[in-house]
Amino acid sequence: MSGEKEKSTVTSAPPSPSPSSVAPSVEFSKGINGLQKVILRESRGSSAEVYLYGGHVTSWKNDHGEELLFLSSKAIFKPPKAIRGGIPICFPQFASHGTLDQHGFARNRFWAVDEDPPPFPTNTLNKAFVDLILKPSEEDMKIWPHSFEYRLRIALGPGGDLMLTSRIRNTNSDGKPFSFTFAYHTYFSVSDISEVRVEGLETLDYLDNLQNKERFTEQGDALTFESEVDKIYLSTPTKIAIIDHEKKRTFVLRKDGLPDAVVWNPWDKKAKAMADFGDDEYKHMLCVEAAAVEKAVTLKPGEEWKGRLELSAVPSSYCSGQLDPQRVLQGS
């Protein structure tokens, strides 16, 4: 059940010149099971919700109030269980690529609001945004003995674009470098998985997690889905498009510092085996994840890595053949 809401609204940008618009806002409130969340609202009506537990984006809505991310109806909002859906943060390990538990520990830790982040070069005028920070606890240091500061900025732009910027710094005092793998494990809401295609990954090499991470080359014009898929695409372009024919909507991912892209759908058997996932929910979701998996990122003490993801949802009439997906990929 949702807890009582405790609202304290902070405005993050001056009002737009239009007299009818409302300034972007940042609101702190209690979410499911009393867990604290942050609600970002943009002046034209789009919104995003971020739980401090996991630094986890659980909702992203366009200016019509339509939900763009998939969140399982059976998602468990109870630490230490990770939330199923939205945008989990996989750090310092993606999947089972290492000695830690699946996907590392960032997605099931409580993050703090970063009151005094170092300056960002990005322009935040007319954006609603929140800065979060994660530092290792003593328990974390036992399982992954490295000191770090992970700063995460989540911003909602005037057009409803969602931007996540991660900055991870090695703060080890013993002079030791550390390495990590990473992904923004984004669950997109789609009308019907069999009606979706992904453009931008054709002809690329990928590691197939369903075949012992064996390496293959993608064949065909675009990715379509008719069975379970769990692939890590390598050396991917900075833009990838997900075209949802039925909803006449195209998601565009723009990424920086994240060379790989993971594509995942559990299909029916695995869906039934997950307690926090509805049996038929696989039909309405697709994970396309901006990631750094094949080659781990290594940081020396004092060094910082930055990985950025920008998501936009644009109306498309692709089902009637009017939208050229390459234009979506190449457009600014």
C-alpha atoms as a PDB file:
ATOM      1  CA  MET A   1       0.000   0.000   0.000  1.00  0.00           C
ATOM      2  CA  SER A   2       1.165   3.528  -0.632  1.00  0.00           C
ATOM      3  CA  GLY A   3       2.221   5.490   2.414  1.00  0.00           C
ATOM      4  CA  GLU A   4       1.017   8.956   3.314  1.00  0.00           C
ATOM      5  CA  LYS A   5       2.495  11.613   1.064  1.00  0.00           C
ATOM      6  CA  GLU A   6       4.742  14.225   2.613  1.00  0.00           C
ATOM      7  CA  LYS A   7       5.150  16.946   0.060  1.00  0.00           C
ATOM      8  CA  SER A   8       7.775  19.642  -0.062  1.00  0.00           C
ATOM      9  CA  THR A   9       8.125  21.134  -3.506  1.00  0.00           C
ATOM     10  CA  VAL A  10      11.372  22.669  -4.679  1.00  0.00           C
ATOM     11  CA  THR A  11      11.487  24.564  -7.959  1.00  0.00           C
ATOM     12  CA  SER A  12      14.583  23.840  -9.952  1.00  0.00           C
ATOM     13  CA  ALA A  13      14.325  26.428 -12.692  1.00  0.00           C
ATOM     14  CA  PRO A  14      12.729  29.816 -13.309  1.00  0.00           C
ATOM     15  CA  PRO A  15       9.279  29.828 -14.885  1.00  0.00           C
ATOM     16  CA  SER A  16       9.089  29.777 -18.648  1.00  0.00           C
ATOM     17  CA  PRO A  17       8.094  33.045 -20.310  1.00  0.00           C
ATOM     18  CA  SER A  18       4.699  31.550 -21.239  1.00  0.00           C
ATOM     19  CA  PRO A  19       2.124  32.737 -18.690  1.00  0.00           C
ATOM     20  CA  SER A  20       0.203  29.456 -18.879  1.00  0.00           C
ATOM     21  CA  SER A  21       3.153  27.175 -18.128  1.00  0.00           C
ATOM     22  CA  VAL A  22       4.180  25.891 -14.730  1.00  0.00           C
ATOM     23  CA  ALA A  23       7.832  25.844 -13.726  1.00  0.00           C
ATOM     24  CA  PRO A  24       9.541  22.456 -13.674  1.00  0.00           C
ATOM     25  CA  SER A  25       9.383  21.089 -10.144  1.00  0.00           C
ATOM     26  CA  VAL A  26      10.962  18.525  -7.867  1.00  0.00           C
ATOM     27  CA  GLU A  27       8.765  17.041  -5.158  1.00  0.00           C
ATOM     28  CA  PHE A  28       9.766  14.672  -2.364  1.00  0.00           C
ATOM     29  CA  SER A  29       7.117  12.280  -1.098  1.00  0.00           C
ATOM     30  CA  LYS A  30       6.501   8.821   0.323  1.00  0.00           C
ATOM     31  CA  GLY A  31       5.920   6.042  -2.173  1.00  0.00           C
ATOM     32  CA  ILE A  32       4.978   2.368  -1.854  1.00  0.00           C
ATOM     33  CA  ASN A  33       5.676   0.885   1.597  1.00  0.00           C
ATOM     34  CA  GLY A  34       6.729   4.344   2.792  1.00  0.00           C
ATOM     35  CA  LEU A  35       9.882   4.354   0.651  1.00  0.00           C
ATOM     36  CA  GLN A  36      10.965   7.877  -0.215  1.00  0.00           C
ATOM     37  CA  LYS A  37      10.634   8.957  -3.825  1.00  0.00           C
ATOM     38  CA  VAL A  38      11.269  12.065  -5.892  1.00  0.00           C
ATOM     39  CA  ILE A  39       8.746  13.256  -8.492  1.00  0.00           C
ATOM     40  CA  LEU A  40      10.074  15.362 -11.369  1.00  0.00           C
ATOM     41  CA  ARG A  41       7.499  17.376 -13.282  1.00  0.00           C
ATOM     42  CA  GLU A  42       8.120  19.243 -16.499  1.00  0.00           C
ATOM     43  CA  SER A  43       6.185  22.360 -17.462  1.00  0.00           C
ATOM     44  CA  ARG A  44       4.338  20.715 -20.387  1.00  0.00           C
ATOM     45  CA  GLY A  45       3.072  17.822 -18.281  1.00  0.00           C
ATOM     46  CA  SER A  46       5.634  15.018 -18.520  1.00  0.00           C
ATOM     47  CA  SER A  47       6.865  13.456 -15.289  1.00  0.00           C
ATOM     48  CA  ALA A  48       9.265  10.928 -13.797  1.00  0.00           C
ATOM     49  CA  GLU A  49       9.439   9.192 -10.434  1.00  0.00           C
ATOM     50  CA  VAL A  50      12.677   8.118  -8.768  1.00  0.00           C
ATOM     51  CA  TYR A  51      12.944   5.970  -5.642  1.00  0.00           C
ATOM     52  CA  LEU A  52      15.948   6.679  -3.415  1.00  0.00           C
ATOM     53  CA  TYR A  53      16.027   2.917  -2.895  1.00  0.00           C
ATOM     54  CA  GLY A  54      18.188   1.812  -5.812  1.00  0.00           C
ATOM     55  CA  GLY A  55      18.422   5.321  -7.325  1.00  0.00           C
ATOM     56  CA  HIS A  56      15.665   3.703  -9.364  1.00  0.00           C
ATOM     57  CA  VAL A  57      13.481   5.445 -11.972  1.00  0.00           C
ATOM     58  CA  THR A  58      10.097   3.677 -11.682  1.00  0.00           C
ATOM     59  CA  SER A  59       7.954   5.906 -13.917  1.00  0.00           C
ATOM     60  CA  TRP A  60       8.369   8.146 -16.954  1.00  0.00           C
ATOM     61  CA  LYS A  61       5.232   9.648 -18.438  1.00  0.00           C
ATOM     62  CA  ASN A  62       4.761  11.824 -21.486  1.00  0.00           C
ATOM     63  CA  ASP A  63       2.718  15.032 -21.512  1.00  0.00           C
ATOM     64  CA  HIS A  64      -0.449  12.973 -22.170  1.00  0.00           C
ATOM     65  CA  GLY A  65       0.148  11.050 -18.947  1.00  0.00           C
ATOM     66  CA  GLU A  66       0.990   7.814 -20.797  1.00  0.00           C
ATOM     67  CA  GLU A  67       3.462   5.552 -18.995  1.00  0.00           C
ATOM     68  CA  LEU A  68       6.554   4.876 -21.110  1.00  0.00           C
ATOM     69  CA  LEU A  69       8.389   2.474 -18.804  1.00  0.00           C
ATOM     70  CA  PHE A  70       7.296  -1.026 -17.835  1.00  0.00           C
ATOM     71  CA  LEU A  71       6.918  -1.765 -14.122  1.00  0.00           C
ATOM     72  CA  SER A  72       5.718  -5.233 -13.179  1.00  0.00           C
ATOM     73  CA  SER A  73       2.349  -5.398 -11.411  1.00  0.00           C
ATOM     74  CA  LYS A  74       4.115  -7.840  -9.073  1.00  0.00           C
ATOM     75  CA  ALA A  75       7.165  -5.642  -8.403  1.00  0.00           C
ATOM     76  CA  ILE A  76       8.256  -5.933  -4.768  1.00  0.00           C
ATOM     77  CA  PHE A  77       9.032  -2.606  -3.096  1.00  0.00           C
ATOM     78  CA  LYS A  78      10.711  -4.185  -0.105  1.00  0.00           C
ATOM     79  CA  PRO A  79      14.479  -4.033   0.502  1.00  0.00           C
ATOM     80  CA  PRO A  80      16.705  -5.900  -0.139  1.00  0.00           C
ATOM     81  CA  LYS A  81      14.697  -7.096  -3.175  1.00  0.00           C
ATOM     82  CA  ALA A  82      15.412  -5.045  -6.320  1.00  0.00           C
ATOM     83  CA  ILE A  83      12.405  -3.374  -7.969  1.00  0.00           C
ATOM     84  CA  ARG A  84      11.256  -5.225 -11.119  1.00  0.00           C
ATOM     85  CA  GLY A  85      10.937  -2.760 -13.986  1.00  0.00           C
ATOM     86  CA  GLY A  86      11.689   0.899 -14.607  1.00  0.00           C
ATOM     87  CA  ILE A  87      15.433   1.604 -14.836  1.00  0.00           C
ATOM     88  CA  PRO A  88      17.525  -0.456 -12.392  1.00  0.00           C
ATOM     89  CA  ILE A  89      21.193   0.545 -12.133  1.00  0.00           C
ATOM     90  CA  CYS A  90      23.579  -2.394 -12.650  1.00  0.00           C
ATOM     91  CA  PHE A  91      26.822  -1.543 -10.804  1.00  0.00           C
ATOM     92  CA  PRO A  92      29.561  -2.557 -10.108  1.00  0.00           C
ATOM     93  CA  GLN A  93      28.661  -5.684 -12.024  1.00  0.00           C
ATOM     94  CA  PHE A  94      26.345  -6.480 -14.897  1.00  0.00           C
ATOM     95  CA  ALA A  95      24.495  -9.816 -14.635  1.00  0.00           C
ATOM     96  CA  SER A  96      26.847 -12.608 -13.573  1.00  0.00           C
ATOM     97  CA  HIS A  97      29.961 -11.042 -15.165  1.00  0.00           C
ATOM     98  CA  GLY A  98      31.941 -11.218 -11.898  1.00  0.00           C
ATOM     99  CA  THR A  99      31.900 -12.542  -8.330  1.00  0.00           C
ATOM    100  CA  LEU A 100      29.045 -10.425  -6.933  1.00  0.00           C
ATOM    101  CA  ASP A 101      25.342 -11.189  -6.852  1.00  0.00           C
ATOM    102  CA  GLN A 102      23.420 -10.697 -10.129  1.00  0.00           C
ATOM    103  CA  HIS A 103      23.704  -7.073 -11.364  1.00  0.00           C
ATOM    104  CA  GLY A 104      25.790  -5.874  -8.402  1.00  0.00           C
ATOM    105  CA  PHE A 105      24.482  -3.959  -5.383  1.00  0.00           C
ATOM    106  CA  ALA A 106      23.673  -0.374  -6.462  1.00  0.00           C
ATOM    107  CA  ARG A 107      20.069  -1.307  -7.315  1.00  0.00           C
ATOM    108  CA  ASN A 108      19.331  -2.472  -3.783  1.00  0.00           C
ATOM    109  CA  ARG A 109      21.015   0.215  -1.717  1.00  0.00           C
ATOM    110  CA  PHE A 110      19.545   3.425  -0.372  1.00  0.00           C
ATOM    111  CA  TRP A 111      20.936   6.448  -2.197  1.00  0.00           C
ATOM    112  CA  ALA A 112      21.132   9.940  -0.698  1.00  0.00           C
ATOM    113  CA  VAL A 113      20.172  13.233  -2.284  1.00  0.00           C
ATOM    114  CA  ASP A 114      23.428  14.961  -3.277  1.00  0.00           C
ATOM    115  CA  GLU A 115      23.044  18.479  -1.901  1.00  0.00           C
ATOM    116  CA  ASP A 116      26.293  19.809  -3.346  1.00  0.00           C
ATOM    117  CA  PRO A 117      27.248  17.989  -6.568  1.00  0.00           C
ATOM    118  CA  PRO A 118      30.314  19.076  -8.525  1.00  0.00           C
ATOM    119  CA  PRO A 119      29.334  21.278 -11.468  1.00  0.00           C
ATOM    120  CA  PHE A 120      27.823  19.607 -14.516  1.00  0.00           C
ATOM    121  CA  PRO A 121      28.705  20.903 -17.970  1.00  0.00           C
ATOM    122  CA  THR A 122      25.127  20.132 -19.037  1.00  0.00           C
ATOM    123  CA  ASN A 123      22.575  22.913 -19.295  1.00  0.00           C
ATOM    124  CA  THR A 124      19.827  22.459 -16.693  1.00  0.00           C
ATOM    125  CA  LEU A 125      17.775  25.530 -17.553  1.00  0.00           C
ATOM    126  CA  ASN A 126      14.089  24.585 -17.736  1.00  0.00           C
ATOM    127  CA  LYS A 127      14.811  21.052 -16.566  1.00  0.00           C
ATOM    128  CA  ALA A 128      13.484  19.335 -13.472  1.00  0.00           C
ATOM    129  CA  PHE A 129      16.343  17.312 -12.024  1.00  0.00           C
ATOM    130  CA  VAL A 130      17.613  15.586  -8.908  1.00  0.00           C
ATOM    131  CA  ASP A 131      21.157  14.626  -7.953  1.00  0.00           C
ATOM    132  CA  LEU A 132      21.716  11.401  -6.005  1.00  0.00           C
ATOM    133  CA  ILE A 133      24.869   9.906  -4.508  1.00  0.00           C
ATOM    134  CA  LEU A 134      25.910   6.426  -3.412  1.00  0.00           C
ATOM    135  CA  LYS A 135      28.983   5.601  -1.331  1.00  0.00           C
ATOM    136  CA  PRO A 136      29.956   2.118  -0.155  1.00  0.00           C
ATOM    137  CA  SER A 137      28.966   0.936   3.315  1.00  0.00           C
ATOM    138  CA  GLU A 138      31.255  -1.230   5.446  1.00  0.00           C
ATOM    139  CA  GLU A 139      29.261  -4.250   4.281  1.00  0.00           C
ATOM    140  CA  ASP A 140      29.759  -3.236   0.642  1.00  0.00           C
ATOM    141  CA  MET A 141      33.506  -2.930   1.218  1.00  0.00           C
ATOM    142  CA  LYS A 142      33.585  -6.540   2.440  1.00  0.00           C
ATOM    143  CA  ILE A 143      32.085  -7.891  -0.790  1.00  0.00           C
ATOM    144  CA  TRP A 144      33.711  -5.326  -3.134  1.00  0.00           C
ATOM    145  CA  PRO A 145      36.708  -3.747  -1.347  1.00  0.00           C
ATOM    146  CA  HIS A 146      36.872  -0.444  -3.187  1.00  0.00           C
ATOM    147  CA  SER A 147      36.032   3.085  -2.163  1.00  0.00           C
ATOM    148  CA  PHE A 148      33.962   5.041  -4.685  1.00  0.00           C
ATOM    149  CA  GLU A 149      31.554   7.918  -5.113  1.00  0.00           C
ATOM    150  CA  TYR A 150      28.724   7.322  -7.573  1.00  0.00           C
ATOM    151  CA  ARG A 151      26.839  10.469  -8.531  1.00  0.00           C
ATOM    152  CA  LEU A 152      23.640  10.141 -10.547  1.00  0.00           C
ATOM    153  CA  ARG A 153      21.738  13.027 -12.089  1.00  0.00           C
ATOM    154  CA  ILE A 154      18.222  12.303 -13.356  1.00  0.00           C
ATOM    155  CA  ALA A 155      16.726  15.129 -15.418  1.00  0.00           C
ATOM    156  CA  LEU A 156      13.523  15.706 -17.341  1.00  0.00           C
ATOM    157  CA  GLY A 157      13.859  18.069 -20.307  1.00  0.00           C
ATOM    158  CA  PRO A 158      11.276  20.519 -21.694  1.00  0.00           C
ATOM    159  CA  GLY A 159      10.238  18.055 -24.407  1.00  0.00           C
ATOM    160  CA  GLY A 160       9.800  15.238 -21.898  1.00  0.00           C
ATOM    161  CA  ASP A 161      13.172  13.619 -22.629  1.00  0.00           C
ATOM    162  CA  LEU A 162      14.585  11.637 -19.704  1.00  0.00           C
ATOM    163  CA  MET A 163      18.320  11.973 -19.064  1.00  0.00           C
ATOM    164  CA  LEU A 164      20.449   9.893 -16.695  1.00  0.00           C
ATOM    165  CA  THR A 165      24.073  10.846 -16.146  1.00  0.00           C
ATOM    166  CA  SER A 166      26.315   8.631 -13.989  1.00  0.00           C
ATOM    167  CA  ARG A 167      29.666   9.812 -12.686  1.00  0.00           C
ATOM    168  CA  ILE A 168      31.696   7.191 -10.854  1.00  0.00           C
ATOM    169  CA  ARG A 169      34.946   8.165  -9.132  1.00  0.00           C
ATOM    170  CA  ASN A 170      37.638   5.966  -7.599  1.00  0.00           C
ATOM    171  CA  THR A 171      38.266   7.327  -4.090  1.00  0.00           C
ATOM    172  CA  ASN A 172      40.578   4.497  -2.936  1.00  0.00           C
ATOM    173  CA  SER A 173      43.274   5.759  -0.590  1.00  0.00           C
ATOM    174  CA  ASP A 174      45.453   2.662  -1.081  1.00  0.00           C
ATOM    175  CA  GLY A 175      46.437   3.592  -4.635  1.00  0.00           C
ATOM    176  CA  LYS A 176      44.564   0.637  -6.165  1.00  0.00           C
ATOM    177  CA  PRO A 177      42.552   0.847  -9.384  1.00  0.00           C
ATOM    178  CA  PHE A 178      39.215  -0.921  -9.681  1.00  0.00           C
ATOM    179  CA  SER A 179      37.189  -2.283 -12.599  1.00  0.00           C
ATOM    180  CA  PHE A 180      33.439  -2.551 -13.066  1.00  0.00           C
ATOM    181  CA  THR A 181      30.763  -3.398 -15.603  1.00  0.00           C
ATOM    182  CA  PHE A 182      27.596  -1.345 -15.878  1.00  0.00           C
ATOM    183  CA  ALA A 183      24.123  -1.051 -17.421  1.00  0.00           C
ATOM    184  CA  TYR A 184      21.047   1.142 -17.295  1.00  0.00           C
ATOM    185  CA  HIS A 185      18.649  -1.840 -17.282  1.00  0.00           C
ATOM    186  CA  THR A 186      15.775   0.042 -18.976  1.00  0.00           C
ATOM    187  CA  TYR A 187      12.394  -1.691 -19.249  1.00  0.00           C
ATOM    188  CA  PHE A 188      10.329  -0.049 -22.004  1.00  0.00           C
ATOM    189  CA  SER A 189       6.552  -0.386 -22.092  1.00  0.00           C
ATOM    190  CA  VAL A 190       5.417  -1.747 -25.458  1.00  0.00           C
ATOM    191  CA  SER A 191       1.985  -2.624 -26.852  1.00  0.00           C
ATOM    192  CA  ASP A 192       2.887  -6.138 -27.989  1.00  0.00           C
ATOM    193  CA  ILE A 193       6.404  -7.584 -28.159  1.00  0.00           C
ATOM    194  CA  SER A 194       5.588  -9.306 -31.463  1.00  0.00           C
ATOM    195  CA  GLU A 195       4.803  -5.895 -33.023  1.00  0.00           C
ATOM    196  CA  VAL A 196       8.085  -4.226 -32.012  1.00  0.00           C
ATOM    197  CA  ARG A 197      11.305  -3.811 -33.959  1.00  0.00           C
ATOM    198  CA  VAL A 198      14.686  -2.435 -32.917  1.00  0.00           C
ATOM    199  CA  GLU A 199      16.741  -0.470 -35.441  1.00  0.00           C
ATOM    200  CA  GLY A 200      20.463   0.269 -35.169  1.00  0.00           C
ATOM    201  CA  LEU A 201      21.861  -3.115 -34.063  1.00  0.00           C
ATOM    202  CA  GLU A 202      21.675  -4.975 -37.387  1.00  0.00           C
ATOM    203  CA  THR A 203      24.946  -6.544 -38.686  1.00  0.00           C
ATOM    204  CA  LEU A 204      26.644  -6.103 -35.280  1.00  0.00           C
ATOM    205  CA  ASP A 205      28.414  -8.757 -33.236  1.00  0.00           C
ATOM    206  CA  TYR A 206      26.743  -9.898 -30.027  1.00  0.00           C
ATOM    207  CA  LEU A 207      27.309 -12.277 -27.133  1.00  0.00           C
ATOM    208  CA  ASP A 208      24.369 -14.636 -26.641  1.00  0.00           C
ATOM    209  CA  ASN A 209      23.696 -15.224 -22.947  1.00  0.00           C
ATOM    210  CA  LEU A 210      21.398 -18.117 -23.886  1.00  0.00           C
ATOM    211  CA  GLN A 211      24.376 -19.877 -25.531  1.00  0.00           C
ATOM    212  CA  ASN A 212      27.164 -19.463 -22.956  1.00  0.00           C
ATOM    213  CA  LYS A 213      28.038 -15.933 -24.120  1.00  0.00           C
ATOM    214  CA  GLU A 214      29.088 -17.290 -27.514  1.00  0.00           C
ATOM    215  CA  ARG A 215      29.780 -14.586 -30.103  1.00  0.00           C
ATOM    216  CA  PHE A 216      27.595 -14.244 -33.200  1.00  0.00           C
ATOM    217  CA  THR A 217      26.896 -11.632 -35.879  1.00  0.00           C
ATOM    218  CA  GLU A 218      23.342 -10.286 -36.174  1.00  0.00           C
ATOM    219  CA  GLN A 219      21.680 -11.129 -39.468  1.00  0.00           C
ATOM    220  CA  GLY A 220      18.666  -9.456 -41.018  1.00  0.00           C
ATOM    221  CA  ASP A 221      17.415  -5.905 -41.301  1.00  0.00           C
ATOM    222  CA  ALA A 222      16.120  -5.247 -37.799  1.00  0.00           C
ATOM    223  CA  LEU A 223      15.474  -7.057 -34.543  1.00  0.00           C
ATOM    224  CA  THR A 224      12.019  -8.561 -34.133  1.00  0.00           C
ATOM    225  CA  PHE A 225      10.877 -10.868 -31.339  1.00  0.00           C
ATOM    226  CA  GLU A 226       9.268 -14.283 -31.340  1.00  0.00           C
ATOM    227  CA  SER A 227      11.083 -16.068 -28.487  1.00  0.00           C
ATOM    228  CA  GLU A 228      13.311 -15.410 -25.485  1.00  0.00           C
ATOM    229  CA  VAL A 229      16.219 -13.061 -26.176  1.00  0.00           C
ATOM    230  CA  ASP A 230      19.227 -12.151 -24.015  1.00  0.00           C
ATOM    231  CA  LYS A 231      22.015 -10.610 -26.083  1.00  0.00           C
ATOM    232  CA  ILE A 232      24.864  -8.172 -25.497  1.00  0.00           C
ATOM    233  CA  TYR A 233      25.518  -6.175 -28.685  1.00  0.00           C
ATOM    234  CA  LEU A 234      29.070  -4.852 -29.022  1.00  0.00           C
ATOM    235  CA  SER A 235      30.441  -1.545 -30.363  1.00  0.00           C
ATOM    236  CA  THR A 236      26.941  -0.191 -30.835  1.00  0.00           C
ATOM    237  CA  PRO A 237      26.004   3.209 -32.306  1.00  0.00           C
ATOM    238  CA  THR A 238      25.231   6.149 -30.043  1.00  0.00           C
ATOM    239  CA  LYS A 239      21.562   6.006 -31.161  1.00  0.00           C
ATOM    240  CA  ILE A 240      19.154   3.066 -31.140  1.00  0.00           C
ATOM    241  CA  ALA A 241      15.448   3.166 -32.023  1.00  0.00           C
ATOM    242  CA  ILE A 242      12.630   0.949 -30.721  1.00  0.00           C
ATOM    243  CA  ILE A 243       9.642   1.140 -33.047  1.00  0.00           C
ATOM    244  CA  ASP A 244       6.264   0.162 -31.578  1.00  0.00           C
ATOM    245  CA  HIS A 245       3.949  -0.259 -34.575  1.00  0.00           C
ATOM    246  CA  GLU A 246       0.716  -0.562 -32.625  1.00  0.00           C
ATOM    247  CA  LYS A 247       1.278   2.496 -30.420  1.00  0.00           C
ATOM    248  CA  LYS A 248       2.723   4.457 -33.352  1.00  0.00           C
ATOM    249  CA  ARG A 249       5.555   5.399 -31.034  1.00  0.00           C
ATOM    250  CA  THR A 250       9.317   5.290 -31.420  1.00  0.00           C
ATOM    251  CA  PHE A 251      11.690   5.320 -28.463  1.00  0.00           C
ATOM    252  CA  VAL A 252      15.097   6.775 -29.261  1.00  0.00           C
ATOM    253  CA  LEU A 253      18.065   5.966 -26.994  1.00  0.00           C
ATOM    254  CA  ARG A 254      21.079   8.242 -27.179  1.00  0.00           C
ATOM    255  CA  LYS A 255      24.075   7.129 -25.169  1.00  0.00           C
ATOM    256  CA  ASP A 256      27.585   8.243 -24.389  1.00  0.00           C
ATOM    257  CA  GLY A 257      30.376   6.295 -22.673  1.00  0.00           C
ATOM    258  CA  LEU A 258      28.344   3.086 -23.014  1.00  0.00           C
ATOM    259  CA  PRO A 259      29.605   1.047 -25.988  1.00  0.00           C
ATOM    260  CA  ASP A 260      27.356  -2.003 -25.549  1.00  0.00           C
ATOM    261  CA  ALA A 261      23.601  -2.551 -25.705  1.00  0.00           C
ATOM    262  CA  VAL A 262      21.778  -5.396 -23.978  1.00  0.00           C
ATOM    263  CA  VAL A 263      18.460  -6.627 -25.406  1.00  0.00           C
ATOM    264  CA  TRP A 264      16.337  -8.838 -23.134  1.00  0.00           C
ATOM    265  CA  ASN A 265      12.875 -10.361 -23.000  1.00  0.00           C
ATOM    266  CA  PRO A 266      12.287 -13.428 -20.795  1.00  0.00           C
ATOM    267  CA  TRP A 267       9.349 -14.821 -22.866  1.00  0.00           C
ATOM    268  CA  ASP A 268       6.767 -17.139 -21.335  1.00  0.00           C
ATOM    269  CA  LYS A 269       8.702 -19.851 -19.451  1.00  0.00           C
ATOM    270  CA  LYS A 270      11.075 -17.508 -17.625  1.00  0.00           C
ATOM    271  CA  ALA A 271       8.224 -15.046 -16.948  1.00  0.00           C
ATOM    272  CA  LYS A 272       6.289 -17.799 -15.150  1.00  0.00           C
ATOM    273  CA  ALA A 273       9.374 -18.681 -13.105  1.00  0.00           C
ATOM    274  CA  MET A 274       9.813 -15.123 -11.714  1.00  0.00           C
ATOM    275  CA  ALA A 275       7.801 -14.419  -8.564  1.00  0.00           C
ATOM    276  CA  ASP A 276       7.892 -10.653  -9.128  1.00  0.00           C
ATOM    277  CA  PHE A 277       6.818 -10.780 -12.786  1.00  0.00           C
ATOM    278  CA  GLY A 278       3.339 -11.497 -14.206  1.00  0.00           C
ATOM    279  CA  ASP A 279       3.002 -14.609 -16.377  1.00  0.00           C
ATOM    280  CA  ASP A 280       1.954 -12.640 -19.478  1.00  0.00           C
ATOM    281  CA  GLU A 281       3.790  -9.380 -18.789  1.00  0.00           C
ATOM    282  CA  TYR A 282       6.639 -10.323 -21.128  1.00  0.00           C
ATOM    283  CA  LYS A 283       4.302  -9.369 -23.987  1.00  0.00           C
ATOM    284  CA  HIS A 284       4.272  -5.735 -22.888  1.00  0.00           C
ATOM    285  CA  MET A 285       7.940  -5.040 -22.129  1.00  0.00           C
ATOM    286  CA  LEU A 286      11.323  -4.944 -23.791  1.00  0.00           C
ATOM    287  CA  CYS A 287      14.657  -4.201 -22.167  1.00  0.00           C
ATOM    288  CA  VAL A 288      17.142  -2.316 -24.315  1.00  0.00           C
ATOM    289  CA  GLU A 289      20.006  -1.338 -22.060  1.00  0.00           C
ATOM    290  CA  ALA A 290      22.878   1.087 -22.580  1.00  0.00           C
ATOM    291  CA  ALA A 291      25.837  -0.765 -21.083  1.00  0.00           C
ATOM    292  CA  ALA A 292      29.563  -1.247 -20.654  1.00  0.00           C
ATOM    293  CA  VAL A 293      29.943  -5.014 -20.334  1.00  0.00           C
ATOM    294  CA  GLU A 294      32.393  -6.630 -22.760  1.00  0.00           C
ATOM    295  CA  LYS A 295      35.336  -4.477 -21.670  1.00  0.00           C
ATOM    296  CA  ALA A 296      35.201  -3.530 -17.999  1.00  0.00           C
ATOM    297  CA  VAL A 297      35.812   0.112 -17.109  1.00  0.00           C
ATOM    298  CA  THR A 298      38.990   0.564 -15.044  1.00  0.00           C
ATOM    299  CA  LEU A 299      39.579   3.644 -12.891  1.00  0.00           C
ATOM    300  CA  LYS A 300      42.764   4.626 -11.105  1.00  0.00           C
ATOM    301  CA  PRO A 301      42.413   6.532  -7.806  1.00  0.00           C
ATOM    302  CA  GLY A 302      41.066  10.026  -8.507  1.00  0.00           C
ATOM    303  CA  GLU A 303      39.792   9.079 -11.980  1.00  0.00           C
ATOM    304  CA  GLU A 304      36.147   9.500 -12.925  1.00  0.00           C
ATOM    305  CA  TRP A 305      34.009   7.711 -15.515  1.00  0.00           C
ATOM    306  CA  LYS A 306      30.888   9.215 -17.030  1.00  0.00           C
ATOM    307  CA  GLY A 307      28.059   7.321 -18.728  1.00  0.00           C
ATOM    308  CA  ARG A 308      25.039   9.132 -20.103  1.00  0.00           C
ATOM    309  CA  LEU A 309      21.680   7.949 -21.409  1.00  0.00           C
ATOM    310  CA  GLU A 310      18.989  10.123 -22.969  1.00  0.00           C
ATOM    311  CA  LEU A 311      15.572   8.671 -23.755  1.00  0.00           C
ATOM    312  CA  SER A 312      12.923  10.261 -25.923  1.00  0.00           C
ATOM    313  CA  ALA A 313       9.573   9.014 -27.185  1.00  0.00           C
ATOM    314  CA  VAL A 314       8.394  10.411 -30.501  1.00  0.00           C
ATOM    315  CA  PRO A 315       5.120   9.761 -32.326  1.00  0.00           C
ATOM    316  CA  SER A 316       5.701   7.600 -35.379  1.00  0.00           C
ATOM    317  CA  SER A 317       3.529   6.475 -38.220  1.00  0.00           C
ATOM    318  CA  TYR A 318       5.941   3.704 -39.116  1.00  0.00           C
ATOM    319  CA  CYS A 319       3.120   1.150 -39.390  1.00  0.00           C
ATOM    320  CA  SER A 320       1.911   2.971 -42.507  1.00  0.00           C
ATOM    321  CA  GLY A 321       5.428   3.101 -43.943  1.00  0.00           C
ATOM    322  CA  GLN A 322       5.813   6.872 -43.564  1.00  0.00           C
ATOM    323  CA  LEU A 323       8.656   6.883 -41.055  1.00  0.00           C
ATOM    324  CA  ASP A 324      12.156   6.093 -42.169  1.00  0.00           C
ATOM    325  CA  PRO A 325      13.799   4.542 -39.085  1.00  0.00           C
ATOM    326  CA  GLN A 326      17.221   5.675 -40.298  1.00  0.00           C
ATOM    327  CA  ARG A 327      16.026   9.270 -40.086  1.00  0.00           C
ATOM    328  CA  VAL A 328      15.062   8.708 -36.473  1.00  0.00           C
ATOM    329  CA  LEU A 329      18.491   7.278 -35.750  1.00  0.00           C
ATOM    330  CA  GLN A 330      20.386  10.020 -37.559  1.00  0.00           C
ATOM    331  CA  GLY A 331      18.212  12.945 -36.509  1.00  0.00           C
ATOM    332  CA  SER A 332      19.423  15.169 -33.725  1.00  0.00           C
END
